[in-house]
Amino acid sequence: MNVAVAADAMEVIAADAVPADAVHVDIAKMKYAPAKIEVEEGQTVLWTNNDAMPHNVQVANPFKIAGNMLRAGQTFAIKFNQPGEYAYTCTPHPFMKGGITVKSKG
């Protein structure tokens, strides 16, 4: 018997599977821009490192996902499947902070 299970609150999306309507966040000058965004559940957020220095994205609240270190031009994407407030930082640069508000569809 197959049982339907709700999707995880967040899921990492492969670079070749990022949807065209992904919300973009730039990593530049040691900060995320924009630092705060709002998306609907089911949307994907795509971060692009535009700094020469490597950075990553670590979502620590309410769940934990830590992306790999991104070199200049590399990207990282997460699909947000549940409404809520999601805070994130750059692991080696904890002063770099951002936040995502995920709203319910409809």
N, C-alpha and C. Protein backbone atom coordinates (compact mmCIF):
# COMPACT_ATOMS: atom_id res chain seq x y z
N MET A 1 0.84 -1.18 0.00
CA MET A 1 0.00 0.00 0.00
C MET A 1 0.88 1.24 0.00
N ASN A 2 0.59 2.21 -0.86
CA ASN A 2 1.34 3.47 -0.90
C ASN A 2 0.65 4.49 -0.01
N VAL A 3 1.45 5.19 0.76
CA VAL A 3 0.92 6.21 1.66
C VAL A 3 1.48 7.55 1.23
N ALA A 4 0.61 8.54 1.06
CA ALA A 4 1.05 9.88 0.69
C ALA A 4 1.69 10.53 1.91
N VAL A 5 2.84 11.13 1.71
CA VAL A 5 3.55 11.82 2.78
C VAL A 5 3.76 13.26 2.36
N ALA A 6 3.53 14.18 3.27
CA ALA A 6 3.75 15.60 2.96
C ALA A 6 5.21 15.84 2.62
N ALA A 7 5.44 16.76 1.72
CA ALA A 7 6.81 17.11 1.34
C ALA A 7 7.55 17.71 2.53
N ASP A 8 8.86 17.56 2.53
CA ASP A 8 9.67 18.21 3.55
C ASP A 8 9.45 19.71 3.47
N ALA A 9 9.70 20.40 4.58
CA ALA A 9 9.52 21.85 4.61
C ALA A 9 10.39 22.54 3.57
N MET A 10 11.60 22.01 3.36
CA MET A 10 12.53 22.58 2.39
C MET A 10 13.19 21.43 1.64
N GLU A 11 13.53 21.68 0.39
CA GLU A 11 14.29 20.69 -0.36
C GLU A 11 15.30 21.39 -1.26
N VAL A 12 16.51 20.86 -1.28
CA VAL A 12 17.55 21.41 -2.14
C VAL A 12 17.22 21.01 -3.57
N ILE A 13 17.34 21.97 -4.49
CA ILE A 13 17.02 21.76 -5.90
C ILE A 13 18.32 21.77 -6.71
N ALA A 14 18.49 20.78 -7.57
CA ALA A 14 19.68 20.72 -8.43
C ALA A 14 19.70 21.91 -9.38
N ALA A 15 20.90 22.35 -9.72
CA ALA A 15 21.06 23.54 -10.57
C ALA A 15 20.31 23.42 -11.89
N ASP A 16 20.26 22.22 -12.45
CA ASP A 16 19.58 22.05 -13.75
C ASP A 16 18.07 21.87 -13.61
N ALA A 17 17.57 21.91 -12.37
CA ALA A 17 16.13 21.74 -12.13
C ALA A 17 15.48 22.98 -11.53
N VAL A 18 16.22 24.09 -11.46
CA VAL A 18 15.67 25.32 -10.88
C VAL A 18 14.63 25.89 -11.84
N PRO A 19 13.42 26.15 -11.34
CA PRO A 19 12.38 26.68 -12.23
C PRO A 19 12.67 28.11 -12.67
N ALA A 20 12.11 28.48 -13.81
CA ALA A 20 12.33 29.82 -14.37
C ALA A 20 11.81 30.92 -13.46
N ASP A 21 10.79 30.62 -12.65
CA ASP A 21 10.21 31.64 -11.78
C ASP A 21 10.85 31.68 -10.38
N ALA A 22 12.04 31.11 -10.24
CA ALA A 22 12.73 31.14 -8.95
C ALA A 22 13.00 32.59 -8.53
N VAL A 23 12.96 32.83 -7.24
CA VAL A 23 13.26 34.15 -6.69
C VAL A 23 14.77 34.22 -6.48
N HIS A 24 15.39 35.26 -7.02
CA HIS A 24 16.85 35.37 -6.99
C HIS A 24 17.35 36.22 -5.83
N VAL A 25 18.41 35.72 -5.18
CA VAL A 25 19.11 36.48 -4.14
C VAL A 25 20.58 36.49 -4.54
N ASP A 26 21.15 37.68 -4.63
CA ASP A 26 22.57 37.81 -4.95
C ASP A 26 23.40 37.82 -3.68
N ILE A 27 24.58 37.21 -3.77
CA ILE A 27 25.56 37.29 -2.69
C ILE A 27 26.68 38.18 -3.24
N ALA A 28 26.80 39.37 -2.67
CA ALA A 28 27.79 40.34 -3.16
C ALA A 28 28.18 41.28 -2.04
N LYS A 29 29.44 41.68 -2.04
CA LYS A 29 29.95 42.64 -1.06
C LYS A 29 29.65 42.17 0.37
N MET A 30 29.83 40.87 0.58
CA MET A 30 29.68 40.26 1.91
C MET A 30 28.28 40.39 2.49
N LYS A 31 27.26 40.37 1.61
CA LYS A 31 25.88 40.36 2.10
C LYS A 31 24.95 39.74 1.07
N TYR A 32 23.77 39.38 1.54
CA TYR A 32 22.72 38.86 0.68
C TYR A 32 21.85 40.03 0.23
N ALA A 33 21.49 40.06 -1.05
CA ALA A 33 20.67 41.16 -1.55
C ALA A 33 19.60 40.61 -2.48
N PRO A 34 18.33 40.79 -2.15
CA PRO A 34 17.84 41.43 -0.92
C PRO A 34 18.01 40.50 0.28
N ALA A 35 18.15 41.09 1.44
CA ALA A 35 18.36 40.30 2.66
C ALA A 35 17.07 39.65 3.15
N LYS A 36 15.94 40.29 2.90
CA LYS A 36 14.64 39.75 3.33
C LYS A 36 13.74 39.63 2.10
N ILE A 37 13.14 38.46 1.95
CA ILE A 37 12.22 38.25 0.84
C ILE A 37 10.97 37.53 1.32
N GLU A 38 9.95 37.59 0.49
CA GLU A 38 8.69 36.90 0.75
C GLU A 38 8.35 36.07 -0.48
N VAL A 39 8.02 34.80 -0.27
CA VAL A 39 7.65 33.90 -1.36
C VAL A 39 6.40 33.12 -0.96
N GLU A 40 5.79 32.47 -1.93
CA GLU A 40 4.66 31.58 -1.65
C GLU A 40 5.19 30.16 -1.46
N GLU A 41 4.46 29.36 -0.68
CA GLU A 41 4.87 27.97 -0.51
C GLU A 41 4.97 27.31 -1.88
N GLY A 42 5.98 26.48 -2.04
CA GLY A 42 6.23 25.82 -3.31
C GLY A 42 7.20 26.55 -4.21
N GLN A 43 7.54 27.79 -3.85
CA GLN A 43 8.50 28.55 -4.67
C GLN A 43 9.93 28.18 -4.31
N THR A 44 10.81 28.41 -5.27
CA THR A 44 12.23 28.13 -5.10
C THR A 44 12.99 29.45 -5.00
N VAL A 45 13.97 29.48 -4.11
CA VAL A 45 14.87 30.62 -3.98
C VAL A 45 16.24 30.18 -4.49
N LEU A 46 16.83 31.01 -5.35
CA LEU A 46 18.14 30.73 -5.96
C LEU A 46 19.14 31.79 -5.52
N TRP A 47 20.19 31.36 -4.85
CA TRP A 47 21.27 32.26 -4.44
C TRP A 47 22.41 32.13 -5.43
N THR A 48 23.00 33.26 -5.83
CA THR A 48 24.16 33.28 -6.73
C THR A 48 25.28 34.05 -6.06
N ASN A 49 26.44 33.42 -5.95
CA ASN A 49 27.59 34.10 -5.35
C ASN A 49 28.27 34.95 -6.40
N ASN A 50 28.27 36.27 -6.19
CA ASN A 50 28.94 37.21 -7.08
C ASN A 50 30.20 37.78 -6.46
N ASP A 51 30.62 37.24 -5.33
CA ASP A 51 31.86 37.65 -4.67
C ASP A 51 33.00 36.74 -5.10
N ALA A 52 34.23 37.25 -5.04
CA ALA A 52 35.40 36.41 -5.29
C ALA A 52 35.59 35.42 -4.15
N MET A 53 35.15 35.81 -2.95
CA MET A 53 35.29 34.98 -1.76
C MET A 53 34.17 33.93 -1.72
N PRO A 54 34.47 32.69 -1.35
CA PRO A 54 33.42 31.67 -1.23
C PRO A 54 32.45 31.98 -0.09
N HIS A 55 31.18 31.66 -0.34
CA HIS A 55 30.11 31.82 0.66
C HIS A 55 29.19 30.60 0.56
N ASN A 56 28.32 30.46 1.56
CA ASN A 56 27.28 29.44 1.47
C ASN A 56 25.99 29.97 2.06
N VAL A 57 24.99 29.11 2.09
CA VAL A 57 23.69 29.44 2.67
C VAL A 57 23.38 28.35 3.67
N GLN A 58 23.19 28.73 4.94
CA GLN A 58 22.79 27.78 5.96
C GLN A 58 21.49 28.24 6.59
N VAL A 59 20.44 27.46 6.36
CA VAL A 59 19.15 27.75 6.97
C VAL A 59 19.14 26.98 8.29
N ALA A 60 19.01 27.71 9.38
CA ALA A 60 19.11 27.06 10.68
C ALA A 60 17.78 27.03 11.43
N ASN A 61 16.81 27.79 10.95
CA ASN A 61 15.59 27.91 11.71
C ASN A 61 14.41 27.94 10.74
N PRO A 62 13.42 27.13 10.85
CA PRO A 62 13.15 26.15 11.91
C PRO A 62 13.78 24.78 11.63
N PHE A 63 14.36 24.57 10.45
CA PHE A 63 15.01 23.31 10.10
C PHE A 63 16.43 23.64 9.66
N LYS A 64 17.24 22.63 9.44
CA LYS A 64 18.62 22.93 9.08
C LYS A 64 19.00 22.33 7.73
N ILE A 65 19.47 23.21 6.86
CA ILE A 65 20.08 22.82 5.59
C ILE A 65 21.32 23.69 5.45
N ALA A 66 22.44 23.10 5.14
CA ALA A 66 23.66 23.87 4.90
C ALA A 66 24.16 23.54 3.51
N GLY A 67 24.22 24.55 2.66
CA GLY A 67 24.71 24.36 1.30
C GLY A 67 26.23 24.30 1.27
N ASN A 68 26.76 23.78 0.19
CA ASN A 68 28.21 23.75 -0.02
C ASN A 68 28.73 25.17 -0.21
N MET A 69 30.02 25.35 -0.01
CA MET A 69 30.64 26.64 -0.28
C MET A 69 30.55 26.92 -1.78
N LEU A 70 30.11 28.13 -2.11
CA LEU A 70 29.94 28.54 -3.49
C LEU A 70 31.08 29.44 -3.92
N ARG A 71 31.71 29.11 -5.01
CA ARG A 71 32.72 29.99 -5.59
C ARG A 71 31.99 31.02 -6.46
N ALA A 72 32.73 32.02 -6.92
CA ALA A 72 32.13 33.07 -7.76
C ALA A 72 31.37 32.45 -8.92
N GLY A 73 30.12 32.89 -9.10
CA GLY A 73 29.29 32.43 -10.19
C GLY A 73 28.48 31.17 -9.91
N GLN A 74 28.77 30.49 -8.81
CA GLN A 74 28.02 29.28 -8.49
C GLN A 74 26.71 29.61 -7.79
N THR A 75 25.77 28.67 -7.86
CA THR A 75 24.44 28.89 -7.31
C THR A 75 24.04 27.77 -6.35
N PHE A 76 23.00 28.07 -5.55
CA PHE A 76 22.41 27.11 -4.62
C PHE A 76 20.93 27.43 -4.55
N ALA A 77 20.07 26.40 -4.58
CA ALA A 77 18.63 26.64 -4.60
C ALA A 77 17.91 25.76 -3.59
N ILE A 78 16.89 26.34 -2.97
CA ILE A 78 16.02 25.61 -2.04
C ILE A 78 14.57 25.91 -2.41
N LYS A 79 13.77 24.85 -2.45
CA LYS A 79 12.32 24.99 -2.62
C LYS A 79 11.69 24.98 -1.23
N PHE A 80 10.85 25.96 -0.96
CA PHE A 80 10.19 26.10 0.34
C PHE A 80 8.76 25.59 0.23
N ASN A 81 8.47 24.48 0.91
CA ASN A 81 7.19 23.80 0.78
C ASN A 81 6.19 24.08 1.90
N GLN A 82 6.64 24.73 2.97
CA GLN A 82 5.74 25.00 4.08
C GLN A 82 5.85 26.46 4.50
N PRO A 83 4.71 27.07 4.81
CA PRO A 83 4.72 28.45 5.29
C PRO A 83 5.54 28.58 6.57
N GLY A 84 6.12 29.76 6.76
CA GLY A 84 6.88 30.01 7.99
C GLY A 84 7.94 31.06 7.76
N GLU A 85 8.71 31.28 8.81
CA GLU A 85 9.84 32.21 8.79
C GLU A 85 11.13 31.39 8.77
N TYR A 86 11.99 31.66 7.82
CA TYR A 86 13.23 30.92 7.65
C TYR A 86 14.40 31.91 7.69
N ALA A 87 15.27 31.76 8.69
CA ALA A 87 16.46 32.61 8.80
C ALA A 87 17.65 31.85 8.24
N TYR A 88 18.57 32.59 7.63
CA TYR A 88 19.78 31.94 7.11
C TYR A 88 21.00 32.82 7.27
N THR A 89 22.16 32.19 7.25
CA THR A 89 23.45 32.87 7.39
C THR A 89 24.46 32.22 6.45
N CYS A 90 25.62 32.83 6.37
CA CYS A 90 26.78 32.25 5.71
C CYS A 90 27.62 31.63 6.83
N THR A 91 27.89 30.35 6.76
CA THR A 91 28.58 29.65 7.85
C THR A 91 29.89 30.33 8.27
N PRO A 92 30.82 30.62 7.34
CA PRO A 92 32.08 31.23 7.78
C PRO A 92 31.96 32.74 8.06
N HIS A 93 30.86 33.34 7.65
CA HIS A 93 30.66 34.79 7.85
C HIS A 93 29.30 35.00 8.52
N PRO A 94 29.17 34.71 9.81
CA PRO A 94 27.85 34.73 10.47
C PRO A 94 27.19 36.11 10.53
N PHE A 95 27.94 37.17 10.23
CA PHE A 95 27.32 38.51 10.17
C PHE A 95 26.50 38.67 8.90
N MET A 96 26.68 37.77 7.92
CA MET A 96 25.86 37.78 6.71
C MET A 96 24.56 37.04 7.03
N LYS A 97 23.46 37.78 7.05
CA LYS A 97 22.18 37.20 7.45
C LYS A 97 21.09 37.53 6.45
N GLY A 98 20.12 36.64 6.36
CA GLY A 98 18.97 36.87 5.52
C GLY A 98 17.76 36.17 6.10
N GLY A 99 16.60 36.48 5.54
CA GLY A 99 15.37 35.86 6.01
C GLY A 99 14.36 35.71 4.89
N ILE A 100 13.59 34.64 4.99
CA ILE A 100 12.56 34.36 4.00
C ILE A 100 11.25 34.13 4.73
N THR A 101 10.21 34.84 4.32
CA THR A 101 8.86 34.60 4.80
C THR A 101 8.14 33.82 3.72
N VAL A 102 7.67 32.63 4.08
CA VAL A 102 6.94 31.80 3.13
C VAL A 102 5.47 31.87 3.50
N LYS A 103 4.66 32.39 2.57
CA LYS A 103 3.23 32.55 2.77
C LYS A 103 2.48 31.37 2.15
N SER A 104 1.31 31.09 2.69
CA SER A 104 0.45 30.05 2.14
C SER A 104 -0.08 30.47 0.78
N LYS A 105 -0.26 29.51 -0.11
CA LYS A 105 -0.91 29.79 -1.39
C LYS A 105 -2.39 30.00 -1.14
N GLY A 106 -2.93 31.01 -1.76
CA GLY A 106 -4.37 31.20 -1.70
C GLY A 106 -4.82 31.82 -0.46
